[in-house]
Amino acid sequence: VGPGYLMANPEYSDEPWSKPDEAVRYLPMQAQPGDFAFFVRNEGVEIQYQHHQFLIIRHASILALIRPDSADIIEQVTNLLR
């Protein structure tokens, strides 16, 4: 999600005869189930389909993704089982 992980561009060359390129490239992130997303509120569309509610957000409207640590998920599951 926008713009993603910063990486060096392997095609970049600072030679004067090469075509101009950006020195960095961004690897886009993909949202996964269980991620928490911060997004622009006015950009979301809420729909109901087959008795389930969905919130549809444009990829460009997601500001940040927070992915829970695997230890956090295990702790939440054990708390549910108590």
PDB file of N, CA and C in Angstrom:
ATOM      1  N   VAL A   1       0.859  -1.152   0.000  1.00  0.00           N
ATOM      2  CA  VAL A   1       0.000   0.000   0.000  1.00  0.00           C
ATOM      3  C   VAL A   1       0.898   1.206   0.000  1.00  0.00           C
ATOM      4  N   GLY A   2       0.482   2.185  -0.526  1.00  0.00           N
ATOM      5  CA  GLY A   2       1.098   3.350  -1.065  1.00  0.00           C
ATOM      6  C   GLY A   2       2.278   3.941  -0.332  1.00  0.00           C
ATOM      7  N   PRO A   3       3.361   4.122  -0.868  1.00  0.00           N
ATOM      8  CA  PRO A   3       3.785   3.530  -2.117  1.00  0.00           C
ATOM      9  C   PRO A   3       4.362   2.137  -1.932  1.00  0.00           C
ATOM     10  N   GLY A   4       4.644   1.679  -0.711  1.00  0.00           N
ATOM     11  CA  GLY A   4       5.154   0.320  -0.519  1.00  0.00           C
ATOM     12  C   GLY A   4       6.553   0.316   0.060  1.00  0.00           C
ATOM     13  N   TYR A   5       7.231  -0.817  -0.065  1.00  0.00           N
ATOM     14  CA  TYR A   5       8.596  -0.954   0.434  1.00  0.00           C
ATOM     15  C   TYR A   5       9.573  -0.280  -0.522  1.00  0.00           C
ATOM     16  N   LEU A   6      10.478   0.495   0.038  1.00  0.00           N
ATOM     17  CA  LEU A   6      11.494   1.184  -0.746  1.00  0.00           C
ATOM     18  C   LEU A   6      12.609   0.208  -1.107  1.00  0.00           C
ATOM     19  N   MET A   7      12.963   0.153  -2.403  1.00  0.00           N
ATOM     20  CA  MET A   7      14.013  -0.748  -2.880  1.00  0.00           C
ATOM     21  C   MET A   7      14.908   0.001  -3.857  1.00  0.00           C
ATOM     22  N   ALA A   8      16.119  -0.473  -3.988  1.00  0.00           N
ATOM     23  CA  ALA A   8      17.007   0.083  -5.012  1.00  0.00           C
ATOM     24  C   ALA A   8      16.534  -0.397  -6.378  1.00  0.00           C
ATOM     25  N   ASN A   9      16.590   0.483  -7.361  1.00  0.00           N
ATOM     26  CA  ASN A   9      16.179   0.129  -8.717  1.00  0.00           C
ATOM     27  C   ASN A   9      17.352  -0.538  -9.426  1.00  0.00           C
ATOM     28  N   PRO A  10      17.240  -1.823  -9.790  1.00  0.00           N
ATOM     29  CA  PRO A  10      18.371  -2.503 -10.435  1.00  0.00           C
ATOM     30  C   PRO A  10      18.671  -1.963 -11.832  1.00  0.00           C
ATOM     31  N   GLU A  11      17.717  -1.273 -12.435  1.00  0.00           N
ATOM     32  CA  GLU A  11      17.920  -0.732 -13.778  1.00  0.00           C
ATOM     33  C   GLU A  11      18.526   0.669 -13.757  1.00  0.00           C
ATOM     34  N   TYR A  12      18.748   1.222 -12.553  1.00  0.00           N
ATOM     35  CA  TYR A  12      19.267   2.589 -12.451  1.00  0.00           C
ATOM     36  C   TYR A  12      20.750   2.627 -12.824  1.00  0.00           C
ATOM     37  N   SER A  13      21.114   3.632 -13.590  1.00  0.00           N
ATOM     38  CA  SER A  13      22.512   3.857 -13.951  1.00  0.00           C
ATOM     39  C   SER A  13      22.746   5.358 -13.967  1.00  0.00           C
ATOM     40  N   ASP A  14      23.844   5.797 -13.353  1.00  0.00           N
ATOM     41  CA  ASP A  14      24.126   7.235 -13.346  1.00  0.00           C
ATOM     42  C   ASP A  14      25.047   7.642 -14.494  1.00  0.00           C
ATOM     43  N   GLU A  15      25.193   6.758 -15.467  1.00  0.00           N
ATOM     44  CA  GLU A  15      25.992   7.084 -16.646  1.00  0.00           C
ATOM     45  C   GLU A  15      25.266   8.147 -17.470  1.00  0.00           C
ATOM     46  N   PRO A  16      26.000   9.131 -18.013  1.00  0.00           N
ATOM     47  CA  PRO A  16      25.344  10.233 -18.731  1.00  0.00           C
ATOM     48  C   PRO A  16      24.638   9.809 -20.015  1.00  0.00           C
ATOM     49  N   TRP A  17      25.058   8.719 -20.649  1.00  0.00           N
ATOM     50  CA  TRP A  17      24.435   8.318 -21.909  1.00  0.00           C
ATOM     51  C   TRP A  17      23.188   7.451 -21.705  1.00  0.00           C
ATOM     52  N   SER A  18      22.976   6.957 -20.493  1.00  0.00           N
ATOM     53  CA  SER A  18      21.804   6.112 -20.270  1.00  0.00           C
ATOM     54  C   SER A  18      20.559   6.986 -20.085  1.00  0.00           C
ATOM     55  N   LYS A  19      19.406   6.386 -20.360  1.00  0.00           N
ATOM     56  CA  LYS A  19      18.163   7.144 -20.214  1.00  0.00           C
ATOM     57  C   LYS A  19      17.912   7.413 -18.730  1.00  0.00           C
ATOM     58  N   PRO A  20      17.305   8.540 -18.407  1.00  0.00           N
ATOM     59  CA  PRO A  20      17.080   8.864 -16.991  1.00  0.00           C
ATOM     60  C   PRO A  20      16.095   7.881 -16.356  1.00  0.00           C
ATOM     61  N   ASP A  21      16.441   7.418 -15.189  1.00  0.00           N
ATOM     62  CA  ASP A  21      15.624   6.476 -14.423  1.00  0.00           C
ATOM     63  C   ASP A  21      15.603   6.930 -12.976  1.00  0.00           C
ATOM     64  N   GLU A  22      14.613   6.477 -12.243  1.00  0.00           N
ATOM     65  CA  GLU A  22      14.564   6.741 -10.812  1.00  0.00           C
ATOM     66  C   GLU A  22      15.542   5.808 -10.099  1.00  0.00           C
ATOM     67  N   ALA A  23      16.217   6.318  -9.072  1.00  0.00           N
ATOM     68  CA  ALA A  23      17.193   5.514  -8.339  1.00  0.00           C
ATOM     69  C   ALA A  23      16.525   4.502  -7.417  1.00  0.00           C
ATOM     70  N   VAL A  24      15.273   4.757  -7.061  1.00  0.00           N
ATOM     71  CA  VAL A  24      14.566   3.845  -6.157  1.00  0.00           C
ATOM     72  C   VAL A  24      13.302   3.337  -6.833  1.00  0.00           C
ATOM     73  N   ARG A  25      12.816   2.240  -6.310  1.00  0.00           N
ATOM     74  CA  ARG A  25      11.586   1.625  -6.794  1.00  0.00           C
ATOM     75  C   ARG A  25      10.794   1.209  -5.559  1.00  0.00           C
ATOM     76  N   TYR A  26       9.488   1.166  -5.670  1.00  0.00           N
ATOM     77  CA  TYR A  26       8.643   0.763  -4.551  1.00  0.00           C
ATOM     78  C   TYR A  26       7.970  -0.567  -4.862  1.00  0.00           C
ATOM     79  N   LEU A  27       8.058  -1.491  -3.921  1.00  0.00           N
ATOM     80  CA  LEU A  27       7.377  -2.772  -4.028  1.00  0.00           C
ATOM     81  C   LEU A  27       6.042  -2.624  -3.304  1.00  0.00           C
ATOM     82  N   PRO A  28       4.920  -2.667  -4.024  1.00  0.00           N
ATOM     83  CA  PRO A  28       3.637  -2.429  -3.369  1.00  0.00           C
ATOM     84  C   PRO A  28       3.291  -3.523  -2.365  1.00  0.00           C
ATOM     85  N   MET A  29       2.655  -3.118  -1.276  1.00  0.00           N
ATOM     86  CA  MET A  29       2.203  -4.070  -0.267  1.00  0.00           C
ATOM     87  C   MET A  29       0.798  -4.537  -0.608  1.00  0.00           C
ATOM     88  N   GLN A  30       0.460  -5.724  -0.210  1.00  0.00           N
ATOM     89  CA  GLN A  30      -0.875  -6.266  -0.417  1.00  0.00           C
ATOM     90  C   GLN A  30      -1.529  -6.485   0.939  1.00  0.00           C
ATOM     91  N   ALA A  31      -2.758  -6.025   1.076  1.00  0.00           N
ATOM     92  CA  ALA A  31      -3.506  -6.236   2.311  1.00  0.00           C
ATOM     93  C   ALA A  31      -3.899  -7.706   2.418  1.00  0.00           C
ATOM     94  N   GLN A  32      -3.905  -8.210   3.645  1.00  0.00           N
ATOM     95  CA  GLN A  32      -4.273  -9.600   3.902  1.00  0.00           C
ATOM     96  C   GLN A  32      -5.365  -9.627   4.957  1.00  0.00           C
ATOM     97  N   PRO A  33      -6.170 -10.688   5.004  1.00  0.00           N
ATOM     98  CA  PRO A  33      -7.182 -10.791   6.056  1.00  0.00           C
ATOM     99  C   PRO A  33      -6.526 -10.702   7.430  1.00  0.00           C
ATOM    100  N   GLY A  34      -7.121  -9.929   8.316  1.00  0.00           N
ATOM    101  CA  GLY A  34      -6.583  -9.738   9.655  1.00  0.00           C
ATOM    102  C   GLY A  34      -5.768  -8.470   9.806  1.00  0.00           C
ATOM    103  N   ASP A  35      -5.401  -7.829   8.704  1.00  0.00           N
ATOM    104  CA  ASP A  35      -4.664  -6.568   8.764  1.00  0.00           C
ATOM    105  C   ASP A  35      -5.601  -5.451   9.218  1.00  0.00           C
ATOM    106  N   PHE A  36      -5.043  -4.484   9.913  1.00  0.00           N
ATOM    107  CA  PHE A  36      -5.769  -3.275  10.271  1.00  0.00           C
ATOM    108  C   PHE A  36      -5.346  -2.195   9.290  1.00  0.00           C
ATOM    109  N   ALA A  37      -6.318  -1.482   8.734  1.00  0.00           N
ATOM    110  CA  ALA A  37      -6.010  -0.478   7.715  1.00  0.00           C
ATOM    111  C   ALA A  37      -6.462   0.899   8.174  1.00  0.00           C
ATOM    112  N   PHE A  38      -5.613   1.884   7.963  1.00  0.00           N
ATOM    113  CA  PHE A  38      -5.981   3.284   8.114  1.00  0.00           C
ATOM    114  C   PHE A  38      -6.245   3.794   6.703  1.00  0.00           C
ATOM    115  N   PHE A  39      -7.429   4.380   6.500  1.00  0.00           N
ATOM    116  CA  PHE A  39      -7.799   4.796   5.155  1.00  0.00           C
ATOM    117  C   PHE A  39      -8.552   6.118   5.209  1.00  0.00           C
ATOM    118  N   VAL A  40      -8.688   6.752   4.059  1.00  0.00           N
ATOM    119  CA  VAL A  40      -9.443   7.995   3.950  1.00  0.00           C
ATOM    120  C   VAL A  40     -10.922   7.643   4.078  1.00  0.00           C
ATOM    121  N   ARG A  41     -11.562   8.170   5.114  1.00  0.00           N
ATOM    122  CA  ARG A  41     -12.922   7.765   5.462  1.00  0.00           C
ATOM    123  C   ARG A  41     -13.935   8.004   4.336  1.00  0.00           C
ATOM    124  N   ASN A  42     -13.822   9.109   3.648  1.00  0.00           N
ATOM    125  CA  ASN A  42     -14.794   9.433   2.603  1.00  0.00           C
ATOM    126  C   ASN A  42     -14.670   8.532   1.380  1.00  0.00           C
ATOM    127  N   GLU A  43     -13.612   7.764   1.283  1.00  0.00           N
ATOM    128  CA  GLU A  43     -13.378   6.920   0.111  1.00  0.00           C
ATOM    129  C   GLU A  43     -13.962   5.517   0.257  1.00  0.00           C
ATOM    130  N   GLY A  44     -14.443   5.159   1.450  1.00  0.00           N
ATOM    131  CA  GLY A  44     -14.966   3.819   1.673  1.00  0.00           C
ATOM    132  C   GLY A  44     -16.419   3.688   1.241  1.00  0.00           C
ATOM    133  N   VAL A  45     -16.774   2.523   0.732  1.00  0.00           N
ATOM    134  CA  VAL A  45     -18.153   2.217   0.351  1.00  0.00           C
ATOM    135  C   VAL A  45     -18.550   0.949   1.090  1.00  0.00           C
ATOM    136  N   GLU A  46     -19.650   1.030   1.844  1.00  0.00           N
ATOM    137  CA  GLU A  46     -20.118  -0.113   2.604  1.00  0.00           C
ATOM    138  C   GLU A  46     -21.261  -0.774   1.840  1.00  0.00           C
ATOM    139  N   ILE A  47     -21.151  -2.071   1.620  1.00  0.00           N
ATOM    140  CA  ILE A  47     -22.215  -2.796   0.922  1.00  0.00           C
ATOM    141  C   ILE A  47     -22.603  -4.024   1.735  1.00  0.00           C
ATOM    142  N   GLN A  48     -23.823  -4.502   1.490  1.00  0.00           N
ATOM    143  CA  GLN A  48     -24.280  -5.732   2.120  1.00  0.00           C
ATOM    144  C   GLN A  48     -24.594  -6.726   1.012  1.00  0.00           C
ATOM    145  N   TYR A  49     -24.023  -7.929   1.142  1.00  0.00           N
ATOM    146  CA  TYR A  49     -24.204  -8.965   0.134  1.00  0.00           C
ATOM    147  C   TYR A  49     -24.397 -10.293   0.842  1.00  0.00           C
ATOM    148  N   GLN A  50     -25.507 -10.941   0.589  1.00  0.00           N
ATOM    149  CA  GLN A  50     -25.845 -12.230   1.186  1.00  0.00           C
ATOM    150  C   GLN A  50     -25.672 -12.207   2.704  1.00  0.00           C
ATOM    151  N   HIS A  51     -26.251 -11.202   3.333  1.00  0.00           N
ATOM    152  CA  HIS A  51     -26.272 -11.027   4.788  1.00  0.00           C
ATOM    153  C   HIS A  51     -24.888 -10.799   5.396  1.00  0.00           C
ATOM    154  N   HIS A  52     -23.922 -10.410   4.591  1.00  0.00           N
ATOM    155  CA  HIS A  52     -22.591 -10.048   5.077  1.00  0.00           C
ATOM    156  C   HIS A  52     -22.322  -8.605   4.685  1.00  0.00           C
ATOM    157  N   GLN A  53     -21.674  -7.867   5.587  1.00  0.00           N
ATOM    158  CA  GLN A  53     -21.319  -6.484   5.269  1.00  0.00           C
ATOM    159  C   GLN A  53     -19.863  -6.415   4.851  1.00  0.00           C
ATOM    160  N   PHE A  54     -19.604  -5.649   3.806  1.00  0.00           N
ATOM    161  CA  PHE A  54     -18.258  -5.465   3.278  1.00  0.00           C
ATOM    162  C   PHE A  54     -17.957  -3.979   3.198  1.00  0.00           C
ATOM    163  N   LEU A  55     -16.719  -3.632   3.454  1.00  0.00           N
ATOM    164  CA  LEU A  55     -16.250  -2.260   3.296  1.00  0.00           C
ATOM    165  C   LEU A  55     -15.237  -2.276   2.159  1.00  0.00           C
ATOM    166  N   ILE A  56     -15.544  -1.580   1.086  1.00  0.00           N
ATOM    167  CA  ILE A  56     -14.690  -1.546  -0.099  1.00  0.00           C
ATOM    168  C   ILE A  56     -13.892  -0.251  -0.081  1.00  0.00           C
ATOM    169  N   ILE A  57     -12.565  -0.376  -0.165  1.00  0.00           N
ATOM    170  CA  ILE A  57     -11.661   0.778  -0.138  1.00  0.00           C
ATOM    171  C   ILE A  57     -10.767   0.706  -1.367  1.00  0.00           C
ATOM    172  N   ARG A  58     -10.622   1.841  -2.064  1.00  0.00           N
ATOM    173  CA  ARG A  58      -9.676   1.886  -3.177  1.00  0.00           C
ATOM    174  C   ARG A  58      -8.261   1.709  -2.636  1.00  0.00           C
ATOM    175  N   HIS A  59      -7.425   1.039  -3.382  1.00  0.00           N
ATOM    176  CA  HIS A  59      -6.042   0.788  -2.969  1.00  0.00           C
ATOM    177  C   HIS A  59      -5.316   2.096  -2.668  1.00  0.00           C
ATOM    178  N   ALA A  60      -5.553   3.126  -3.475  1.00  0.00           N
ATOM    179  CA  ALA A  60      -4.880   4.412  -3.295  1.00  0.00           C
ATOM    180  C   ALA A  60      -5.362   5.150  -2.051  1.00  0.00           C
ATOM    181  N   SER A  61      -6.503   4.753  -1.473  1.00  0.00           N
ATOM    182  CA  SER A  61      -7.045   5.433  -0.300  1.00  0.00           C
ATOM    183  C   SER A  61      -6.535   4.847   1.008  1.00  0.00           C
ATOM    184  N   ILE A  62      -5.823   3.733   0.953  1.00  0.00           N
ATOM    185  CA  ILE A  62      -5.271   3.132   2.166  1.00  0.00           C
ATOM    186  C   ILE A  62      -3.989   3.869   2.524  1.00  0.00           C
ATOM    187  N   LEU A  63      -3.959   4.423   3.739  1.00  0.00           N
ATOM    188  CA  LEU A  63      -2.809   5.200   4.185  1.00  0.00           C
ATOM    189  C   LEU A  63      -1.744   4.333   4.835  1.00  0.00           C
ATOM    190  N   ALA A  64      -2.169   3.325   5.593  1.00  0.00           N
ATOM    191  CA  ALA A  64      -1.210   2.461   6.287  1.00  0.00           C
ATOM    192  C   ALA A  64      -1.871   1.128   6.604  1.00  0.00           C
ATOM    193  N   LEU A  65      -1.065   0.087   6.634  1.00  0.00           N
ATOM    194  CA  LEU A  65      -1.512  -1.237   7.062  1.00  0.00           C
ATOM    195  C   LEU A  65      -0.724  -1.636   8.294  1.00  0.00           C
ATOM    196  N   ILE A  66      -1.426  -2.187   9.265  1.00  0.00           N
ATOM    197  CA  ILE A  66      -0.759  -2.711  10.455  1.00  0.00           C
ATOM    198  C   ILE A  66      -1.058  -4.200  10.489  1.00  0.00           C
ATOM    199  N   ARG A  67      -0.010  -4.974  10.412  1.00  0.00           N
ATOM    200  CA  ARG A  67      -0.147  -6.427  10.405  1.00  0.00           C
ATOM    201  C   ARG A  67       0.237  -6.928  11.796  1.00  0.00           C
ATOM    202  N   PRO A  68      -0.702  -7.606  12.493  1.00  0.00           N
ATOM    203  CA  PRO A  68      -0.382  -8.104  13.829  1.00  0.00           C
ATOM    204  C   PRO A  68       0.775  -9.092  13.789  1.00  0.00           C
ATOM    205  N   ASP A  69       1.577  -9.058  14.824  1.00  0.00           N
ATOM    206  CA  ASP A  69       2.687  -9.993  14.964  1.00  0.00           C
ATOM    207  C   ASP A  69       2.114 -11.383  15.228  1.00  0.00           C
ATOM    208  N   SER A  70       2.782 -12.415  14.787  1.00  0.00           N
ATOM    209  CA  SER A  70       2.269 -13.777  14.972  1.00  0.00           C
ATOM    210  C   SER A  70       2.107 -14.108  16.454  1.00  0.00           C
ATOM    211  N   ALA A  71       2.966 -13.574  17.311  1.00  0.00           N
ATOM    212  CA  ALA A  71       2.840 -13.814  18.753  1.00  0.00           C
ATOM    213  C   ALA A  71       1.561 -13.172  19.282  1.00  0.00           C
ATOM    214  N   ASP A  72       1.193 -11.997  18.749  1.00  0.00           N
ATOM    215  CA  ASP A  72      -0.042 -11.338  19.160  1.00  0.00           C
ATOM    216  C   ASP A  72      -1.254 -12.176  18.793  1.00  0.00           C
ATOM    217  N   ILE A  73      -1.232 -12.769  17.610  1.00  0.00           N
ATOM    218  CA  ILE A  73      -2.362 -13.583  17.158  1.00  0.00           C
ATOM    219  C   ILE A  73      -2.500 -14.824  18.028  1.00  0.00           C
ATOM    220  N   ILE A  74      -1.389 -15.474  18.367  1.00  0.00           N
ATOM    221  CA  ILE A  74      -1.429 -16.660  19.230  1.00  0.00           C
ATOM    222  C   ILE A  74      -1.977 -16.289  20.599  1.00  0.00           C
ATOM    223  N   GLU A  75      -1.576 -15.133  21.121  1.00  0.00           N
ATOM    224  CA  GLU A  75      -2.072 -14.682  22.427  1.00  0.00           C
ATOM    225  C   GLU A  75      -3.576 -14.425  22.369  1.00  0.00           C
ATOM    226  N   GLN A  76      -4.070 -13.836  21.296  1.00  0.00           N
ATOM    227  CA  GLN A  76      -5.500 -13.578  21.155  1.00  0.00           C
ATOM    228  C   GLN A  76      -6.283 -14.882  21.091  1.00  0.00           C
ATOM    229  N   VAL A  77      -5.764 -15.868  20.388  1.00  0.00           N
ATOM    230  CA  VAL A  77      -6.452 -17.154  20.277  1.00  0.00           C
ATOM    231  C   VAL A  77      -6.496 -17.846  21.633  1.00  0.00           C
ATOM    232  N   THR A  78      -5.399 -17.825  22.374  1.00  0.00           N
ATOM    233  CA  THR A  78      -5.399 -18.474  23.692  1.00  0.00           C
ATOM    234  C   THR A  78      -6.333 -17.750  24.649  1.00  0.00           C
ATOM    235  N   ASN A  79      -6.462 -16.430  24.527  1.00  0.00           N
ATOM    236  CA  ASN A  79      -7.409 -15.696  25.368  1.00  0.00           C
ATOM    237  C   ASN A  79      -8.848 -16.057  25.022  1.00  0.00           C
ATOM    238  N   LEU A  80      -9.120 -16.334  23.761  1.00  0.00           N
ATOM    239  CA  LEU A  80     -10.468 -16.736  23.362  1.00  0.00           C
ATOM    240  C   LEU A  80     -10.831 -18.112  23.909  1.00  0.00           C
ATOM    241  N   LEU A  81      -9.837 -18.990  24.044  1.00  0.00           N
ATOM    242  CA  LEU A  81     -10.096 -20.354  24.503  1.00  0.00           C
ATOM    243  C   LEU A  81     -10.279 -20.447  26.010  1.00  0.00           C
ATOM    244  N   ARG A  82      -9.935 -19.403  26.731  1.00  0.00           N
ATOM    245  CA  ARG A  82     -10.071 -19.439  28.203  1.00  0.00           C
ATOM    246  C   ARG A  82     -11.489 -19.244  28.641  1.00  0.00           C
TER     247      ARG A  82
END
